[in-house]
Amino acid sequence: MTTITNPAAPTFQAILLKSHLKLFALGMKNSRMSGKDMLARASAITHVEYKRGQYDLAVADLVAFIKENTRG
């Protein structure tokens, strides 16, 4: 069993956001979060500004962020 002790941790948010951005880029849209909202959250985590449609760049930056901030 896995226990998430801090769901507000930036690494955990980056993992979830990365998956969400991949699905969004494929056309699977969520009614609660727009592409602009997701890119804004990715910007808050990676400290890189993204323009409209730069989902693949945001995913790549999130992957790099996750690798830098995880053990293993």
C-alpha atoms as a PDB file:
ATOM      1  CA  MET A   1       0.000   0.000   0.000  1.00  0.00           C
ATOM      2  CA  THR A   2       1.238   3.480  -0.835  1.00  0.00           C
ATOM      3  CA  THR A   3       0.484   6.410   1.428  1.00  0.00           C
ATOM      4  CA  ILE A   4       0.692   9.937   0.102  1.00  0.00           C
ATOM      5  CA  THR A   5       1.904  12.020   3.004  1.00  0.00           C
ATOM      6  CA  ASN A   6       1.976  15.411   1.286  1.00  0.00           C
ATOM      7  CA  PRO A   7      -0.292  15.806  -1.767  1.00  0.00           C
ATOM      8  CA  ALA A   8       0.694  19.491  -1.989  1.00  0.00           C
ATOM      9  CA  ALA A   9       4.333  18.603  -2.665  1.00  0.00           C
ATOM     10  CA  PRO A  10       5.532  20.077  -5.969  1.00  0.00           C
ATOM     11  CA  THR A  11       6.921  16.728  -7.162  1.00  0.00           C
ATOM     12  CA  PHE A  12       3.595  14.969  -6.623  1.00  0.00           C
ATOM     13  CA  GLN A  13       1.729  17.781  -8.375  1.00  0.00           C
ATOM     14  CA  ALA A  14       4.229  17.620 -11.256  1.00  0.00           C
ATOM     15  CA  ILE A  15       3.599  13.892 -11.722  1.00  0.00           C
ATOM     16  CA  LEU A  16      -0.175  14.373 -11.886  1.00  0.00           C
ATOM     17  CA  LEU A  17       0.086  17.450 -14.104  1.00  0.00           C
ATOM     18  CA  LYS A  18       2.449  15.675 -16.506  1.00  0.00           C
ATOM     19  CA  SER A  19      -0.101  12.930 -17.111  1.00  0.00           C
ATOM     20  CA  HIS A  20      -2.922  15.443 -17.446  1.00  0.00           C
ATOM     21  CA  LEU A  21      -0.983  17.482 -20.011  1.00  0.00           C
ATOM     22  CA  LYS A  22      -0.228  14.357 -22.060  1.00  0.00           C
ATOM     23  CA  LEU A  23      -3.929  13.505 -22.222  1.00  0.00           C
ATOM     24  CA  PHE A  24      -4.863  17.114 -22.994  1.00  0.00           C
ATOM     25  CA  ALA A  25      -2.358  17.220 -25.865  1.00  0.00           C
ATOM     26  CA  LEU A  26      -4.048  14.125 -27.319  1.00  0.00           C
ATOM     27  CA  GLY A  27      -7.437  15.825 -27.236  1.00  0.00           C
ATOM     28  CA  MET A  28      -8.857  14.431 -23.999  1.00  0.00           C
ATOM     29  CA  LYS A  29     -10.082  17.588 -22.322  1.00  0.00           C
ATOM     30  CA  ASN A  30     -11.198  18.040 -18.722  1.00  0.00           C
ATOM     31  CA  SER A  31     -14.048  20.438 -18.069  1.00  0.00           C
ATOM     32  CA  ARG A  32     -12.517  21.708 -14.811  1.00  0.00           C
ATOM     33  CA  MET A  33      -9.108  22.750 -16.106  1.00  0.00           C
ATOM     34  CA  SER A  34      -8.311  24.593 -19.304  1.00  0.00           C
ATOM     35  CA  GLY A  35      -5.048  24.345 -21.195  1.00  0.00           C
ATOM     36  CA  LYS A  36      -4.178  27.812 -19.936  1.00  0.00           C
ATOM     37  CA  ASP A  37      -4.707  26.690 -16.331  1.00  0.00           C
ATOM     38  CA  MET A  38      -2.508  23.622 -16.785  1.00  0.00           C
ATOM     39  CA  LEU A  39       0.289  25.618 -18.403  1.00  0.00           C
ATOM     40  CA  ALA A  40       0.068  28.170 -15.577  1.00  0.00           C
ATOM     41  CA  ARG A  41       0.469  25.404 -12.992  1.00  0.00           C
ATOM     42  CA  ALA A  42       3.374  23.922 -14.948  1.00  0.00           C
ATOM     43  CA  SER A  43       4.956  27.390 -15.010  1.00  0.00           C
ATOM     44  CA  ALA A  44       4.554  27.686 -11.247  1.00  0.00           C
ATOM     45  CA  ILE A  45       6.365  24.379 -10.748  1.00  0.00           C
ATOM     46  CA  THR A  46       9.155  24.706 -13.348  1.00  0.00           C
ATOM     47  CA  HIS A  47       9.534  28.518 -13.331  1.00  0.00           C
ATOM     48  CA  VAL A  48       9.350  28.570 -17.149  1.00  0.00           C
ATOM     49  CA  GLU A  49       6.701  30.575 -19.007  1.00  0.00           C
ATOM     50  CA  TYR A  50       4.698  28.626 -21.614  1.00  0.00           C
ATOM     51  CA  LYS A  51       2.668  29.963 -24.489  1.00  0.00           C
ATOM     52  CA  ARG A  52      -0.575  28.500 -25.764  1.00  0.00           C
ATOM     53  CA  GLY A  53      -0.131  24.993 -27.161  1.00  0.00           C
ATOM     54  CA  GLN A  54       3.297  24.288 -25.668  1.00  0.00           C
ATOM     55  CA  TYR A  55       2.075  21.155 -23.897  1.00  0.00           C
ATOM     56  CA  ASP A  56       4.933  18.935 -25.085  1.00  0.00           C
ATOM     57  CA  LEU A  57       7.532  21.422 -23.842  1.00  0.00           C
ATOM     58  CA  ALA A  58       5.761  21.630 -20.483  1.00  0.00           C
ATOM     59  CA  VAL A  59       5.697  17.820 -20.221  1.00  0.00           C
ATOM     60  CA  ALA A  60       9.428  17.625 -21.006  1.00  0.00           C
ATOM     61  CA  ASP A  61      10.210  20.263 -18.390  1.00  0.00           C
ATOM     62  CA  LEU A  62       8.029  18.497 -15.809  1.00  0.00           C
ATOM     63  CA  VAL A  63       9.806  15.186 -16.507  1.00  0.00           C
ATOM     64  CA  ALA A  64      13.150  16.912 -15.911  1.00  0.00           C
ATOM     65  CA  PHE A  65      11.784  18.480 -12.707  1.00  0.00           C
ATOM     66  CA  ILE A  66      10.546  15.093 -11.471  1.00  0.00           C
ATOM     67  CA  LYS A  67      13.893  13.424 -12.176  1.00  0.00           C
ATOM     68  CA  GLU A  68      15.762  16.178 -10.317  1.00  0.00           C
ATOM     69  CA  ASN A  69      13.498  15.983  -7.267  1.00  0.00           C
ATOM     70  CA  THR A  70      12.994  12.264  -6.717  1.00  0.00           C
ATOM     71  CA  ARG A  71      15.130   9.668  -5.062  1.00  0.00           C
ATOM     72  CA  GLY A  72      16.151   6.552  -6.857  1.00  0.00           C
END
